[in-house]
Amino acid sequence: MKAAKIVEMWGRASRQVPVTSDDDIVQMFANEISKLSYKLTEEELYRLIAVGALVYQRGFREFDGNVMADLLIRTLREGGRA
């Protein structure tokens, strides 16, 4: 699937998702990545997690949060083992 299609789908999905806490978002992302992790190389998995961490970090900066990307990465790694 091309990136433009993914962005389009992302926009549609964001209007349908209920408001959730930051912890819920991290957990949902970890759950979805863990479902895909067996299909990815370690490098591909790391890049996906890193991009998620960047998005997460940006959101917190914009909303005066102070959660570090390291926490997200650690949570995602732990979620992948479950």
PDB file of N, CA and C in Angstrom:
ATOM      1  N   MET A   1       0.847  -1.170   0.000  1.00  0.00           N
ATOM      2  CA  MET A   1       0.000   0.000   0.000  1.00  0.00           C
ATOM      3  C   MET A   1       0.897   1.238   0.000  1.00  0.00           C
ATOM      4  N   LYS A   2       0.521   2.210  -0.764  1.00  0.00           N
ATOM      5  CA  LYS A   2       1.303   3.443  -0.866  1.00  0.00           C
ATOM      6  C   LYS A   2       1.062   4.342   0.341  1.00  0.00           C
ATOM      7  N   ALA A   3       2.066   5.163   0.643  1.00  0.00           N
ATOM      8  CA  ALA A   3       2.014   6.048   1.808  1.00  0.00           C
ATOM      9  C   ALA A   3       0.814   6.996   1.740  1.00  0.00           C
ATOM     10  N   ALA A   4       0.493   7.513   0.562  1.00  0.00           N
ATOM     11  CA  ALA A   4      -0.633   8.447   0.436  1.00  0.00           C
ATOM     12  C   ALA A   4      -1.945   7.785   0.857  1.00  0.00           C
ATOM     13  N   LYS A   5      -2.132   6.539   0.505  1.00  0.00           N
ATOM     14  CA  LYS A   5      -3.339   5.808   0.891  1.00  0.00           C
ATOM     15  C   LYS A   5      -3.391   5.606   2.404  1.00  0.00           C
ATOM     16  N   ILE A   6      -2.242   5.305   2.995  1.00  0.00           N
ATOM     17  CA  ILE A   6      -2.177   5.127   4.445  1.00  0.00           C
ATOM     18  C   ILE A   6      -2.537   6.437   5.146  1.00  0.00           C
ATOM     19  N   VAL A   7      -2.014   7.555   4.661  1.00  0.00           N
ATOM     20  CA  VAL A   7      -2.331   8.860   5.253  1.00  0.00           C
ATOM     21  C   VAL A   7      -3.827   9.143   5.138  1.00  0.00           C
ATOM     22  N   GLU A   8      -4.408   8.825   4.000  1.00  0.00           N
ATOM     23  CA  GLU A   8      -5.851   9.007   3.806  1.00  0.00           C
ATOM     24  C   GLU A   8      -6.643   8.165   4.809  1.00  0.00           C
ATOM     25  N   MET A   9      -6.265   6.914   4.958  1.00  0.00           N
ATOM     26  CA  MET A   9      -6.946   6.021   5.901  1.00  0.00           C
ATOM     27  C   MET A   9      -6.761   6.520   7.336  1.00  0.00           C
ATOM     28  N   TRP A  10      -5.576   7.020   7.637  1.00  0.00           N
ATOM     29  CA  TRP A  10      -5.275   7.536   8.959  1.00  0.00           C
ATOM     30  C   TRP A  10      -6.217   8.697   9.295  1.00  0.00           C
ATOM     31  N   GLY A  11      -6.415   9.578   8.323  1.00  0.00           N
ATOM     32  CA  GLY A  11      -7.309  10.721   8.520  1.00  0.00           C
ATOM     33  C   GLY A  11      -8.740  10.290   8.788  1.00  0.00           C
ATOM     34  N   ARG A  12      -9.210   9.298   8.051  1.00  0.00           N
ATOM     35  CA  ARG A  12     -10.572   8.797   8.271  1.00  0.00           C
ATOM     36  C   ARG A  12     -10.695   8.122   9.621  1.00  0.00           C
ATOM     37  N   ALA A  13      -9.715   7.320   9.988  1.00  0.00           N
ATOM     38  CA  ALA A  13      -9.761   6.596  11.249  1.00  0.00           C
ATOM     39  C   ALA A  13      -9.713   7.546  12.438  1.00  0.00           C
ATOM     40  N   SER A  14      -8.953   8.626  12.326  1.00  0.00           N
ATOM     41  CA  SER A  14      -8.801   9.537  13.458  1.00  0.00           C
ATOM     42  C   SER A  14     -10.119  10.218  13.808  1.00  0.00           C
ATOM     43  N   ARG A  15     -11.018  10.334  12.858  1.00  0.00           N
ATOM     44  CA  ARG A  15     -12.324  10.932  13.140  1.00  0.00           C
ATOM     45  C   ARG A  15     -13.269   9.940  13.805  1.00  0.00           C
ATOM     46  N   GLN A  16     -12.955   8.659  13.761  1.00  0.00           N
ATOM     47  CA  GLN A  16     -13.839   7.624  14.288  1.00  0.00           C
ATOM     48  C   GLN A  16     -13.387   7.063  15.631  1.00  0.00           C
ATOM     49  N   VAL A  17     -12.174   7.370  16.038  1.00  0.00           N
ATOM     50  CA  VAL A  17     -11.609   6.796  17.256  1.00  0.00           C
ATOM     51  C   VAL A  17     -12.083   7.605  18.460  1.00  0.00           C
ATOM     52  N   PRO A  18     -12.534   6.918  19.516  1.00  0.00           N
ATOM     53  CA  PRO A  18     -12.948   7.652  20.717  1.00  0.00           C
ATOM     54  C   PRO A  18     -11.751   8.293  21.410  1.00  0.00           C
ATOM     55  N   VAL A  19     -12.006   9.317  22.185  1.00  0.00           N
ATOM     56  CA  VAL A  19     -10.951   9.979  22.942  1.00  0.00           C
ATOM     57  C   VAL A  19     -10.413   8.995  23.977  1.00  0.00           C
ATOM     58  N   THR A  20      -9.097   8.885  24.029  1.00  0.00           N
ATOM     59  CA  THR A  20      -8.453   7.929  24.935  1.00  0.00           C
ATOM     60  C   THR A  20      -7.334   8.616  25.699  1.00  0.00           C
ATOM     61  N   SER A  21      -6.885   7.955  26.731  1.00  0.00           N
ATOM     62  CA  SER A  21      -5.748   8.485  27.490  1.00  0.00           C
ATOM     63  C   SER A  21      -4.453   8.186  26.736  1.00  0.00           C
ATOM     64  N   ASP A  22      -3.395   8.865  27.145  1.00  0.00           N
ATOM     65  CA  ASP A  22      -2.092   8.633  26.517  1.00  0.00           C
ATOM     66  C   ASP A  22      -1.626   7.198  26.742  1.00  0.00           C
ATOM     67  N   ASP A  23      -1.877   6.676  27.935  1.00  0.00           N
ATOM     68  CA  ASP A  23      -1.499   5.289  28.225  1.00  0.00           C
ATOM     69  C   ASP A  23      -2.266   4.321  27.327  1.00  0.00           C
ATOM     70  N   ASP A  24      -3.541   4.609  27.070  1.00  0.00           N
ATOM     71  CA  ASP A  24      -4.336   3.755  26.182  1.00  0.00           C
ATOM     72  C   ASP A  24      -3.769   3.757  24.772  1.00  0.00           C
ATOM     73  N   ILE A  25      -3.347   4.923  24.304  1.00  0.00           N
ATOM     74  CA  ILE A  25      -2.796   5.030  22.951  1.00  0.00           C
ATOM     75  C   ILE A  25      -1.509   4.225  22.833  1.00  0.00           C
ATOM     76  N   VAL A  26      -0.645   4.354  23.826  1.00  0.00           N
ATOM     77  CA  VAL A  26       0.612   3.590  23.810  1.00  0.00           C
ATOM     78  C   VAL A  26       0.308   2.097  23.799  1.00  0.00           C
ATOM     79  N   GLN A  27      -0.625   1.667  24.626  1.00  0.00           N
ATOM     80  CA  GLN A  27      -0.968   0.248  24.694  1.00  0.00           C
ATOM     81  C   GLN A  27      -1.564  -0.252  23.377  1.00  0.00           C
ATOM     82  N   MET A  28      -2.443   0.544  22.762  1.00  0.00           N
ATOM     83  CA  MET A  28      -3.029   0.140  21.478  1.00  0.00           C
ATOM     84  C   MET A  28      -1.953   0.017  20.409  1.00  0.00           C
ATOM     85  N   PHE A  29      -1.033   0.980  20.364  1.00  0.00           N
ATOM     86  CA  PHE A  29       0.038   0.941  19.380  1.00  0.00           C
ATOM     87  C   PHE A  29       0.935  -0.266  19.608  1.00  0.00           C
ATOM     88  N   ALA A  30       1.262  -0.535  20.872  1.00  0.00           N
ATOM     89  CA  ALA A  30       2.086  -1.697  21.205  1.00  0.00           C
ATOM     90  C   ALA A  30       1.395  -2.991  20.792  1.00  0.00           C
ATOM     91  N   ASN A  31       0.101  -3.084  21.037  1.00  0.00           N
ATOM     92  CA  ASN A  31      -0.648  -4.285  20.648  1.00  0.00           C
ATOM     93  C   ASN A  31      -0.611  -4.505  19.144  1.00  0.00           C
ATOM     94  N   GLU A  32      -0.793  -3.440  18.384  1.00  0.00           N
ATOM     95  CA  GLU A  32      -0.801  -3.571  16.925  1.00  0.00           C
ATOM     96  C   GLU A  32       0.585  -3.917  16.387  1.00  0.00           C
ATOM     97  N   ILE A  33       1.612  -3.289  16.934  1.00  0.00           N
ATOM     98  CA  ILE A  33       2.971  -3.603  16.489  1.00  0.00           C
ATOM     99  C   ILE A  33       3.325  -5.045  16.843  1.00  0.00           C
ATOM    100  N   SER A  34       2.902  -5.495  18.016  1.00  0.00           N
ATOM    101  CA  SER A  34       3.235  -6.867  18.401  1.00  0.00           C
ATOM    102  C   SER A  34       2.604  -7.878  17.454  1.00  0.00           C
ATOM    103  N   LYS A  35       1.448  -7.565  16.893  1.00  0.00           N
ATOM    104  CA  LYS A  35       0.797  -8.459  15.931  1.00  0.00           C
ATOM    105  C   LYS A  35       1.584  -8.549  14.624  1.00  0.00           C
ATOM    106  N   LEU A  36       2.305  -7.479  14.292  1.00  0.00           N
ATOM    107  CA  LEU A  36       3.080  -7.438  13.047  1.00  0.00           C
ATOM    108  C   LEU A  36       4.542  -7.814  13.233  1.00  0.00           C
ATOM    109  N   SER A  37       5.005  -7.821  14.457  1.00  0.00           N
ATOM    110  CA  SER A  37       6.443  -7.911  14.713  1.00  0.00           C
ATOM    111  C   SER A  37       7.100  -9.147  14.113  1.00  0.00           C
ATOM    112  N   TYR A  38       6.398 -10.250  14.043  1.00  0.00           N
ATOM    113  CA  TYR A  38       7.019 -11.462  13.495  1.00  0.00           C
ATOM    114  C   TYR A  38       7.286 -11.347  11.998  1.00  0.00           C
ATOM    115  N   LYS A  39       6.628 -10.402  11.334  1.00  0.00           N
ATOM    116  CA  LYS A  39       6.817 -10.211   9.896  1.00  0.00           C
ATOM    117  C   LYS A  39       7.962  -9.252   9.580  1.00  0.00           C
ATOM    118  N   LEU A  40       8.472  -8.575  10.599  1.00  0.00           N
ATOM    119  CA  LEU A  40       9.456  -7.522  10.394  1.00  0.00           C
ATOM    120  C   LEU A  40      10.833  -7.942  10.892  1.00  0.00           C
ATOM    121  N   THR A  41      11.836  -7.386  10.250  1.00  0.00           N
ATOM    122  CA  THR A  41      13.182  -7.566  10.781  1.00  0.00           C
ATOM    123  C   THR A  41      13.301  -6.704  12.030  1.00  0.00           C
ATOM    124  N   GLU A  42      14.335  -6.939  12.813  1.00  0.00           N
ATOM    125  CA  GLU A  42      14.542  -6.122  14.010  1.00  0.00           C
ATOM    126  C   GLU A  42      14.729  -4.654  13.632  1.00  0.00           C
ATOM    127  N   GLU A  43      15.425  -4.394  12.540  1.00  0.00           N
ATOM    128  CA  GLU A  43      15.644  -3.016  12.090  1.00  0.00           C
ATOM    129  C   GLU A  43      14.333  -2.361  11.665  1.00  0.00           C
ATOM    130  N   GLU A  44      13.500  -3.082  10.925  1.00  0.00           N
ATOM    131  CA  GLU A  44      12.200  -2.540  10.513  1.00  0.00           C
ATOM    132  C   GLU A  44      11.313  -2.264  11.724  1.00  0.00           C
ATOM    133  N   LEU A  45      11.332  -3.183  12.665  1.00  0.00           N
ATOM    134  CA  LEU A  45      10.544  -3.012  13.879  1.00  0.00           C
ATOM    135  C   LEU A  45      11.016  -1.797  14.664  1.00  0.00           C
ATOM    136  N   TYR A  46      12.320  -1.654  14.804  1.00  0.00           N
ATOM    137  CA  TYR A  46      12.864  -0.508  15.514  1.00  0.00           C
ATOM    138  C   TYR A  46      12.455   0.803  14.844  1.00  0.00           C
ATOM    139  N   ARG A  47      12.534   0.855  13.511  1.00  0.00           N
ATOM    140  CA  ARG A  47      12.162   2.086  12.796  1.00  0.00           C
ATOM    141  C   ARG A  47      10.697   2.424  13.024  1.00  0.00           C
ATOM    142  N   LEU A  48       9.822   1.429  13.000  1.00  0.00           N
ATOM    143  CA  LEU A  48       8.400   1.663  13.244  1.00  0.00           C
ATOM    144  C   LEU A  48       8.177   2.196  14.657  1.00  0.00           C
ATOM    145  N   ILE A  49       8.848   1.599  15.619  1.00  0.00           N
ATOM    146  CA  ILE A  49       8.735   2.054  17.005  1.00  0.00           C
ATOM    147  C   ILE A  49       9.295   3.476  17.135  1.00  0.00           C
ATOM    148  N   ALA A  50      10.404   3.752  16.478  1.00  0.00           N
ATOM    149  CA  ALA A  50      11.007   5.082  16.553  1.00  0.00           C
ATOM    150  C   ALA A  50      10.087   6.149  15.978  1.00  0.00           C
ATOM    151  N   VAL A  51       9.439   5.850  14.871  1.00  0.00           N
ATOM    152  CA  VAL A  51       8.497   6.809  14.290  1.00  0.00           C
ATOM    153  C   VAL A  51       7.321   7.036  15.240  1.00  0.00           C
ATOM    154  N   GLY A  52       6.818   5.972  15.830  1.00  0.00           N
ATOM    155  CA  GLY A  52       5.747   6.111  16.818  1.00  0.00           C
ATOM    156  C   GLY A  52       6.191   6.968  17.989  1.00  0.00           C
ATOM    157  N   ALA A  53       7.419   6.772  18.429  1.00  0.00           N
ATOM    158  CA  ALA A  53       7.952   7.565  19.537  1.00  0.00           C
ATOM    159  C   ALA A  53       8.054   9.036  19.162  1.00  0.00           C
ATOM    160  N   LEU A  54       8.458   9.321  17.938  1.00  0.00           N
ATOM    161  CA  LEU A  54       8.548  10.712  17.486  1.00  0.00           C
ATOM    162  C   LEU A  54       7.170  11.380  17.454  1.00  0.00           C
ATOM    163  N   VAL A  55       6.186  10.663  16.959  1.00  0.00           N
ATOM    164  CA  VAL A  55       4.822  11.201  16.921  1.00  0.00           C
ATOM    165  C   VAL A  55       4.329  11.456  18.344  1.00  0.00           C
ATOM    166  N   TYR A  56       4.571  10.496  19.210  1.00  0.00           N
ATOM    167  CA  TYR A  56       4.150  10.600  20.600  1.00  0.00           C
ATOM    168  C   TYR A  56       4.825  11.783  21.285  1.00  0.00           C
ATOM    169  N   GLN A  57       6.138  11.904  21.092  1.00  0.00           N
ATOM    170  CA  GLN A  57       6.912  12.987  21.690  1.00  0.00           C
ATOM    171  C   GLN A  57       6.424  14.345  21.180  1.00  0.00           C
ATOM    172  N   ARG A  58       6.165  14.446  19.892  1.00  0.00           N
ATOM    173  CA  ARG A  58       5.684  15.707  19.302  1.00  0.00           C
ATOM    174  C   ARG A  58       4.358  16.118  19.932  1.00  0.00           C
ATOM    175  N   GLY A  59       3.460  15.162  20.087  1.00  0.00           N
ATOM    176  CA  GLY A  59       2.172  15.460  20.698  1.00  0.00           C
ATOM    177  C   GLY A  59       2.328  15.986  22.110  1.00  0.00           C
ATOM    178  N   PHE A  60       3.218  15.398  22.869  1.00  0.00           N
ATOM    179  CA  PHE A  60       3.423  15.862  24.234  1.00  0.00           C
ATOM    180  C   PHE A  60       4.050  17.242  24.269  1.00  0.00           C
ATOM    181  N   ARG A  61       4.970  17.518  23.363  1.00  0.00           N
ATOM    182  CA  ARG A  61       5.577  18.859  23.331  1.00  0.00           C
ATOM    183  C   ARG A  61       4.507  19.895  23.021  1.00  0.00           C
ATOM    184  N   GLU A  62       3.610  19.561  22.104  1.00  0.00           N
ATOM    185  CA  GLU A  62       2.572  20.514  21.723  1.00  0.00           C
ATOM    186  C   GLU A  62       1.564  20.732  22.837  1.00  0.00           C
ATOM    187  N   PHE A  63       1.391  19.745  23.700  1.00  0.00           N
ATOM    188  CA  PHE A  63       0.416  19.858  24.779  1.00  0.00           C
ATOM    189  C   PHE A  63       1.072  19.958  26.147  1.00  0.00           C
ATOM    190  N   ASP A  64       2.331  20.438  26.169  1.00  0.00           N
ATOM    191  CA  ASP A  64       3.072  20.675  27.411  1.00  0.00           C
ATOM    192  C   ASP A  64       3.246  19.431  28.257  1.00  0.00           C
ATOM    193  N   GLY A  65       3.327  18.277  27.652  1.00  0.00           N
ATOM    194  CA  GLY A  65       3.586  17.052  28.402  1.00  0.00           C
ATOM    195  C   GLY A  65       5.073  16.849  28.583  1.00  0.00           C
ATOM    196  N   ASN A  66       5.432  15.905  29.422  1.00  0.00           N
ATOM    197  CA  ASN A  66       6.852  15.668  29.638  1.00  0.00           C
ATOM    198  C   ASN A  66       7.195  14.187  29.654  1.00  0.00           C
ATOM    199  N   VAL A  67       6.422  13.343  28.974  1.00  0.00           N
ATOM    200  CA  VAL A  67       6.724  11.915  28.898  1.00  0.00           C
ATOM    201  C   VAL A  67       7.806  11.700  27.847  1.00  0.00           C
ATOM    202  N   MET A  68       8.773  10.892  28.168  1.00  0.00           N
ATOM    203  CA  MET A  68       9.907  10.665  27.285  1.00  0.00           C
ATOM    204  C   MET A  68       9.622   9.541  26.298  1.00  0.00           C
ATOM    205  N   ALA A  69      10.226   9.619  25.130  1.00  0.00           N
ATOM    206  CA  ALA A  69      10.079   8.588  24.116  1.00  0.00           C
ATOM    207  C   ALA A  69      10.617   7.252  24.598  1.00  0.00           C
ATOM    208  N   ASP A  70      11.588   7.263  25.506  1.00  0.00           N
ATOM    209  CA  ASP A  70      12.134   6.019  26.039  1.00  0.00           C
ATOM    210  C   ASP A  70      11.050   5.173  26.699  1.00  0.00           C
ATOM    211  N   LEU A  71      10.129   5.822  27.390  1.00  0.00           N
ATOM    212  CA  LEU A  71       9.035   5.102  28.031  1.00  0.00           C
ATOM    213  C   LEU A  71       8.174   4.419  26.974  1.00  0.00           C
ATOM    214  N   LEU A  72       7.887   5.110  25.891  1.00  0.00           N
ATOM    215  CA  LEU A  72       7.100   4.521  24.812  1.00  0.00           C
ATOM    216  C   LEU A  72       7.824   3.320  24.220  1.00  0.00           C
ATOM    217  N   ILE A  73       9.086   3.471  23.939  1.00  0.00           N
ATOM    218  CA  ILE A  73       9.846   2.372  23.338  1.00  0.00           C
ATOM    219  C   ILE A  73       9.887   1.179  24.282  1.00  0.00           C
ATOM    220  N   ARG A  74      10.109   1.420  25.556  1.00  0.00           N
ATOM    221  CA  ARG A  74      10.142   0.327  26.540  1.00  0.00           C
ATOM    222  C   ARG A  74       8.789  -0.367  26.598  1.00  0.00           C
ATOM    223  N   THR A  75       7.699   0.401  26.609  1.00  0.00           N
ATOM    224  CA  THR A  75       6.357  -0.174  26.648  1.00  0.00           C
ATOM    225  C   THR A  75       6.086  -0.997  25.394  1.00  0.00           C
ATOM    226  N   LEU A  76       6.498  -0.483  24.256  1.00  0.00           N
ATOM    227  CA  LEU A  76       6.278  -1.217  23.004  1.00  0.00           C
ATOM    228  C   LEU A  76       7.066  -2.525  22.997  1.00  0.00           C
ATOM    229  N   ARG A  77       8.283  -2.482  23.474  1.00  0.00           N
ATOM    230  CA  ARG A  77       9.082  -3.710  23.512  1.00  0.00           C
ATOM    231  C   ARG A  77       8.462  -4.732  24.453  1.00  0.00           C
ATOM    232  N   GLU A  78       7.983  -4.296  25.593  1.00  0.00           N
ATOM    233  CA  GLU A  78       7.346  -5.204  26.540  1.00  0.00           C
ATOM    234  C   GLU A  78       6.047  -5.752  25.960  1.00  0.00           C
ATOM    235  N   GLY A  79       5.302  -4.923  25.236  1.00  0.00           N
ATOM    236  CA  GLY A  79       4.054  -5.368  24.615  1.00  0.00           C
ATOM    237  C   GLY A  79       4.293  -6.403  23.532  1.00  0.00           C
ATOM    238  N   GLY A  80       5.428  -6.326  22.867  1.00  0.00           N
ATOM    239  CA  GLY A  80       5.761  -7.279  21.821  1.00  0.00           C
ATOM    240  C   GLY A  80       6.076  -8.653  22.362  1.00  0.00           C
ATOM    241  N   ARG A  81       6.435  -8.738  23.637  1.00  0.00           N
ATOM    242  CA  ARG A  81       6.759 -10.021  24.248  1.00  0.00           C
ATOM    243  C   ARG A  81       5.528 -10.724  24.778  1.00  0.00           C
ATOM    244  N   ALA A  82       4.457  -9.991  24.944  1.00  0.00           N
ATOM    245  CA  ALA A  82       3.259 -10.585  25.557  1.00  0.00           C
ATOM    246  C   ALA A  82       2.545 -11.516  24.614  1.00  0.00           C
TER     247      ALA A  82
END
